[in-house]
PDB file of all heavy atoms in Angstrom:
ATOM      1  N   GLN A   1     161.379 202.513  57.467  1.00  0.00           N
ATOM      2  CA  GLN A   1     161.444 201.283  56.679  1.00  0.00           C
ATOM      3  C   GLN A   1     160.748 201.456  55.328  1.00  0.00           C
ATOM      4  O   GLN A   1     161.142 200.848  54.333  1.00  0.00           O
ATOM      5  CB  GLN A   1     160.793 200.124  57.452  1.00  0.00           C
ATOM      6  CG  GLN A   1     161.493 199.779  58.753  1.00  0.00           C
ATOM      7  CD  GLN A   1     162.915 199.306  58.522  1.00  0.00           C
ATOM      8  OE1 GLN A   1     163.201 198.607  57.553  1.00  0.00           O
ATOM      9  NE2 GLN A   1     163.817 199.696  59.405  1.00  0.00           N
ATOM     10  N   MET A   2     159.716 202.283  55.290  1.00  0.00           N
ATOM     11  CA  MET A   2     159.009 202.511  54.035  1.00  0.00           C
ATOM     12  C   MET A   2     159.883 203.249  53.017  1.00  0.00           C
ATOM     13  O   MET A   2     159.736 203.074  51.815  1.00  0.00           O
ATOM     14  CB  MET A   2     157.724 203.318  54.283  1.00  0.00           C
ATOM     15  CG  MET A   2     156.689 202.587  55.119  1.00  0.00           C
ATOM     16  SD  MET A   2     156.137 201.020  54.395  1.00  0.00           S
ATOM     17  CE  MET A   2     157.033 199.846  55.424  1.00  0.00           C
ATOM     18  N   ILE A   3     160.796 204.096  53.515  1.00  0.00           N
ATOM     19  CA  ILE A   3     161.717 204.781  52.614  1.00  0.00           C
ATOM     20  C   ILE A   3     162.624 203.773  51.920  1.00  0.00           C
ATOM     21  O   ILE A   3     162.915 203.886  50.725  1.00  0.00           O
ATOM     22  CB  ILE A   3     162.546 205.820  53.406  1.00  0.00           C
ATOM     23  CG1 ILE A   3     161.629 206.911  53.954  1.00  0.00           C
ATOM     24  CG2 ILE A   3     163.635 206.423  52.533  1.00  0.00           C
ATOM     25  CD1 ILE A   3     162.339 207.918  54.821  1.00  0.00           C
ATOM     26  N   ILE A   4     163.045 202.741  52.660  1.00  0.00           N
ATOM     27  CA  ILE A   4     163.883 201.703  52.063  1.00  0.00           C
ATOM     28  C   ILE A   4     163.108 200.952  50.991  1.00  0.00           C
ATOM     29  O   ILE A   4     163.593 200.730  49.882  1.00  0.00           O
ATOM     30  CB  ILE A   4     164.375 200.734  53.152  1.00  0.00           C
ATOM     31  CG1 ILE A   4     165.203 201.488  54.189  1.00  0.00           C
ATOM     32  CG2 ILE A   4     165.178 199.596  52.549  1.00  0.00           C
ATOM     33  CD1 ILE A   4     165.628 200.650  55.373  1.00  0.00           C
ATOM     34  N   VAL A   5     161.869 200.554  51.324  1.00  0.00           N
ATOM     35  CA  VAL A   5     161.046 199.819  50.360  1.00  0.00           C
ATOM     36  C   VAL A   5     160.749 200.695  49.141  1.00  0.00           C
ATOM     37  O   VAL A   5     160.798 200.238  47.994  1.00  0.00           O
ATOM     38  CB  VAL A   5     159.745 199.344  51.015  1.00  0.00           C
ATOM     39  CG1 VAL A   5     158.850 198.629  50.011  1.00  0.00           C
ATOM     40  CG2 VAL A   5     160.038 198.423  52.200  1.00  0.00           C
ATOM     41  N   GLY A   6     160.460 201.981  49.385  1.00  0.00           N
ATOM     42  CA  GLY A   6     160.131 202.879  48.287  1.00  0.00           C
ATOM     43  C   GLY A   6     161.292 203.111  47.350  1.00  0.00           C
ATOM     44  O   GLY A   6     161.111 203.180  46.128  1.00  0.00           O
ATOM     45  N   SER A   7     162.499 203.236  47.884  1.00  0.00           N
ATOM     46  CA  SER A   7     163.665 203.443  47.025  1.00  0.00           C
ATOM     47  C   SER A   7     163.923 202.244  46.131  1.00  0.00           C
ATOM     48  O   SER A   7     164.394 202.389  44.997  1.00  0.00           O
ATOM     49  CB  SER A   7     164.897 203.741  47.881  1.00  0.00           C
ATOM     50  OG  SER A   7     165.204 202.642  48.726  1.00  0.00           O
ATOM     51  N   TYR A   8     163.607 201.054  46.634  1.00  0.00           N
ATOM     52  CA  TYR A   8     163.760 199.858  45.797  1.00  0.00           C
ATOM     53  C   TYR A   8     162.627 199.753  44.775  1.00  0.00           C
ATOM     54  O   TYR A   8     162.850 199.429  43.607  1.00  0.00           O
ATOM     55  CB  TYR A   8     163.774 198.614  46.686  1.00  0.00           C
ATOM     56  CG  TYR A   8     163.796 197.318  45.916  1.00  0.00           C
ATOM     57  CD1 TYR A   8     164.982 196.833  45.380  1.00  0.00           C
ATOM     58  CD2 TYR A   8     162.627 196.590  45.700  1.00  0.00           C
ATOM     59  CE1 TYR A   8     165.006 195.645  44.655  1.00  0.00           C
ATOM     60  CE2 TYR A   8     162.640 195.412  44.985  1.00  0.00           C
ATOM     61  CZ  TYR A   8     163.839 194.940  44.465  1.00  0.00           C
ATOM     62  OH  TYR A   8     163.847 193.775  43.745  1.00  0.00           O
ATOM     63  N   GLU A   9     161.404 200.045  45.216  1.00  0.00           N
ATOM     64  CA  GLU A   9     160.252 199.925  44.321  1.00  0.00           C
ATOM     65  C   GLU A   9     160.285 200.952  43.205  1.00  0.00           C
ATOM     66  O   GLU A   9     159.713 200.724  42.136  1.00  0.00           O
ATOM     67  CB  GLU A   9     158.960 200.076  45.129  1.00  0.00           C
ATOM     68  CG  GLU A   9     158.553 198.847  45.909  1.00  0.00           C
ATOM     69  CD  GLU A   9     158.084 197.729  45.004  1.00  0.00           C
ATOM     70  OE1 GLU A   9     157.376 198.018  44.021  1.00  0.00           O
ATOM     71  OE2 GLU A   9     158.421 196.570  45.284  1.00  0.00           O
ATOM     72  N   LEU A  10     160.939 202.095  43.413  1.00  0.00           N
ATOM     73  CA  LEU A  10     160.990 203.122  42.379  1.00  0.00           C
ATOM     74  C   LEU A  10     161.629 202.589  41.110  1.00  0.00           C
ATOM     75  O   LEU A  10     161.118 202.817  40.004  1.00  0.00           O
ATOM     76  CB  LEU A  10     161.755 204.338  42.901  1.00  0.00           C
ATOM     77  CG  LEU A  10     161.940 205.505  41.916  1.00  0.00           C
ATOM     78  CD1 LEU A  10     160.600 206.024  41.435  1.00  0.00           C
ATOM     79  CD2 LEU A  10     162.759 206.620  42.558  1.00  0.00           C
ATOM     80  N   GLY A  11     162.742 201.890  41.242  1.00  0.00           N
ATOM     81  CA  GLY A  11     163.398 201.306  40.073  1.00  0.00           C
ATOM     82  C   GLY A  11     162.520 200.277  39.386  1.00  0.00           C
ATOM     83  O   GLY A  11     162.454 200.208  38.150  1.00  0.00           O
ATOM     84  N   THR A  12     161.819 199.456  40.180  1.00  0.00           N
ATOM     85  CA  THR A  12     160.935 198.439  39.607  1.00  0.00           C
ATOM     86  C   THR A  12     159.795 199.079  38.827  1.00  0.00           C
ATOM     87  O   THR A  12     159.440 198.624  37.727  1.00  0.00           O
ATOM     88  CB  THR A  12     160.368 197.554  40.729  1.00  0.00           C
ATOM     89  OG1 THR A  12     161.451 196.957  41.457  1.00  0.00           O
ATOM     90  CG2 THR A  12     159.490 196.456  40.157  1.00  0.00           C
ATOM     91  N   ILE A  13     159.225 200.153  39.360  1.00  0.00           N
ATOM     92  CA  ILE A  13     158.114 200.818  38.680  1.00  0.00           C
ATOM     93  C   ILE A  13     158.582 201.463  37.377  1.00  0.00           C
ATOM     94  O   ILE A  13     157.863 201.437  36.365  1.00  0.00           O
ATOM     95  CB  ILE A  13     157.477 201.846  39.628  1.00  0.00           C
ATOM     96  CG1 ILE A  13     156.703 201.132  40.727  1.00  0.00           C
ATOM     97  CG2 ILE A  13     156.563 202.798  38.869  1.00  0.00           C
ATOM     98  CD1 ILE A  13     156.076 202.048  41.741  1.00  0.00           C
ATOM     99  N   ILE A  14     159.784 202.044  37.378  1.00  0.00           N
ATOM    100  CA  ILE A  14     160.301 202.630  36.138  1.00  0.00           C
ATOM    101  C   ILE A  14     160.488 201.561  35.071  1.00  0.00           C
ATOM    102  O   ILE A  14     160.191 201.774  33.884  1.00  0.00           O
ATOM    103  CB  ILE A  14     161.622 203.371  36.422  1.00  0.00           C
ATOM    104  CG1 ILE A  14     161.369 204.600  37.291  1.00  0.00           C
ATOM    105  CG2 ILE A  14     162.302 203.791  35.120  1.00  0.00           C
ATOM    106  CD1 ILE A  14     162.624 205.326  37.703  1.00  0.00           C
ATOM    107  N   ILE A  15     160.964 200.381  35.469  1.00  0.00           N
ATOM    108  CA  ILE A  15     161.112 199.272  34.519  1.00  0.00           C
ATOM    109  C   ILE A  15     159.755 198.867  33.954  1.00  0.00           C
ATOM    110  O   ILE A  15     159.601 198.665  32.745  1.00  0.00           O
ATOM    111  CB  ILE A  15     161.796 198.074  35.195  1.00  0.00           C
ATOM    112  CG1 ILE A  15     163.246 198.407  35.534  1.00  0.00           C
ATOM    113  CG2 ILE A  15     161.746 196.845  34.292  1.00  0.00           C
ATOM    114  CD1 ILE A  15     163.964 197.297  36.265  1.00  0.00           C
ATOM    115  N   ILE A  16     158.762 198.739  34.834  1.00  0.00           N
ATOM    116  CA  ILE A  16     157.434 198.312  34.386  1.00  0.00           C
ATOM    117  C   ILE A  16     156.829 199.353  33.458  1.00  0.00           C
ATOM    118  O   ILE A  16     156.226 199.015  32.422  1.00  0.00           O
ATOM    119  CB  ILE A  16     156.533 198.047  35.600  1.00  0.00           C
ATOM    120  CG1 ILE A  16     157.072 196.870  36.409  1.00  0.00           C
ATOM    121  CG2 ILE A  16     155.095 197.789  35.160  1.00  0.00           C
ATOM    122  CD1 ILE A  16     156.296 196.594  37.683  1.00  0.00           C
ATOM    123  N   GLU A  17     156.956 200.642  33.815  1.00  0.00           N
ATOM    124  CA  GLU A  17     156.416 201.696  32.938  1.00  0.00           C
ATOM    125  C   GLU A  17     157.067 201.659  31.563  1.00  0.00           C
ATOM    126  O   GLU A  17     156.386 201.787  30.535  1.00  0.00           O
ATOM    127  CB  GLU A  17     156.649 203.053  33.598  1.00  0.00           C
ATOM    128  CG  GLU A  17     156.126 204.237  32.792  1.00  0.00           C
ATOM    129  CD  GLU A  17     157.134 204.751  31.778  1.00  0.00           C
ATOM    130  OE1 GLU A  17     158.339 204.762  32.091  1.00  0.00           O
ATOM    131  OE2 GLU A  17     156.716 205.132  30.654  1.00  0.00           O
ATOM    132  N   SER A  18     158.370 201.474  31.517  1.00  0.00           N
ATOM    133  CA  SER A  18     159.069 201.406  30.236  1.00  0.00           C
ATOM    134  C   SER A  18     158.651 200.163  29.452  1.00  0.00           C
ATOM    135  O   SER A  18     158.528 200.221  28.219  1.00  0.00           O
ATOM    136  CB  SER A  18     160.586 201.393  30.467  1.00  0.00           C
ATOM    137  OG  SER A  18     161.010 202.562  31.124  1.00  0.00           O
ATOM    138  N   SER A  19     158.419 199.060  30.150  1.00  0.00           N
ATOM    139  CA  SER A  19     157.992 197.829  29.473  1.00  0.00           C
ATOM    140  C   SER A  19     156.603 197.989  28.862  1.00  0.00           C
ATOM    141  O   SER A  19     156.353 197.569  27.726  1.00  0.00           O
ATOM    142  CB  SER A  19     158.011 196.657  30.456  1.00  0.00           C
ATOM    143  OG  SER A  19     159.294 196.474  31.015  1.00  0.00           O
ATOM    144  N   ILE A  20     155.692 198.605  29.636  1.00  0.00           N
ATOM    145  CA  ILE A  20     154.339 198.837  29.120  1.00  0.00           C
ATOM    146  C   ILE A  20     154.377 199.776  27.917  1.00  0.00           C
ATOM    147  O   ILE A  20     153.701 199.566  26.905  1.00  0.00           O
ATOM    148  CB  ILE A  20     153.448 199.409  30.232  1.00  0.00           C
ATOM    149  CG1 ILE A  20     153.273 198.394  31.364  1.00  0.00           C
ATOM    150  CG2 ILE A  20     152.095 199.807  29.669  1.00  0.00           C
ATOM    151  CD1 ILE A  20     152.517 197.158  30.980  1.00  0.00           C
ATOM    152  N   SER A  21     155.187 200.836  27.995  1.00  0.00           N
ATOM    153  CA  SER A  21     155.297 201.774  26.877  1.00  0.00           C
ATOM    154  C   SER A  21     155.977 201.101  25.688  1.00  0.00           C
ATOM    155  O   SER A  21     155.646 201.403  24.531  1.00  0.00           O
ATOM    156  CB  SER A  21     156.088 203.012  27.311  1.00  0.00           C
ATOM    157  OG  SER A  21     155.430 203.695  28.352  1.00  0.00           O
ATOM    158  N   TYR A  22     156.922 200.230  25.943  1.00  0.00           N
ATOM    159  CA  TYR A  22     157.582 199.496  24.858  1.00  0.00           C
ATOM    160  C   TYR A  22     156.573 198.661  24.072  1.00  0.00           C
ATOM    161  O   TYR A  22     156.674 198.539  22.846  1.00  0.00           O
ATOM    162  CB  TYR A  22     158.660 198.598  25.452  1.00  0.00           C
ATOM    163  CG  TYR A  22     159.381 197.723  24.458  1.00  0.00           C
ATOM    164  CD1 TYR A  22     160.477 198.207  23.747  1.00  0.00           C
ATOM    165  CD2 TYR A  22     158.969 196.422  24.222  1.00  0.00           C
ATOM    166  CE1 TYR A  22     161.128 197.409  22.825  1.00  0.00           C
ATOM    167  CE2 TYR A  22     159.616 195.613  23.305  1.00  0.00           C
ATOM    168  CZ  TYR A  22     160.699 196.112  22.611  1.00  0.00           C
ATOM    169  OH  TYR A  22     161.347 195.312  21.698  1.00  0.00           O
ATOM    170  N   LEU A  23     155.578 198.121  24.774  1.00  0.00           N
ATOM    171  CA  LEU A  23     154.547 197.311  24.114  1.00  0.00           C
ATOM    172  C   LEU A  23     153.468 198.165  23.461  1.00  0.00           C
ATOM    173  O   LEU A  23     152.560 197.621  22.824  1.00  0.00           O
ATOM    174  CB  LEU A  23     153.913 196.360  25.130  1.00  0.00           C
ATOM    175  CG  LEU A  23     154.856 195.321  25.752  1.00  0.00           C
ATOM    176  CD1 LEU A  23     154.138 194.535  26.836  1.00  0.00           C
ATOM    177  CD2 LEU A  23     155.409 194.386  24.690  1.00  0.00           C
ATOM    178  N   GLY A  24     153.543 199.481  23.630  1.00  0.00           N
ATOM    179  CA  GLY A  24     152.568 200.373  23.015  1.00  0.00           C
ATOM    180  C   GLY A  24     151.327 200.608  23.844  1.00  0.00           C
ATOM    181  O   GLY A  24     150.346 201.183  23.350  1.00  0.00           O
ATOM    182  N   LEU A  25     151.330 200.177  25.121  1.00  0.00           N
ATOM    183  CA  LEU A  25     150.153 200.324  25.979  1.00  0.00           C
ATOM    184  C   LEU A  25     150.347 201.379  27.069  1.00  0.00           C
ATOM    185  O   LEU A  25     149.497 201.523  27.941  1.00  0.00           O
ATOM    186  CB  LEU A  25     149.809 198.976  26.637  1.00  0.00           C
ATOM    187  CG  LEU A  25     149.404 197.858  25.688  1.00  0.00           C
ATOM    188  CD1 LEU A  25     149.242 196.549  26.444  1.00  0.00           C
ATOM    189  CD2 LEU A  25     148.111 198.211  24.960  1.00  0.00           C
TER     190      LEU A  25
END
């Protein structure tokens, strides 16, 4: 079940990382 959650969370984390970098932080 953790593999399912992790595969979904991976996309969310990439979005957040790009958003933080977009803001210069």
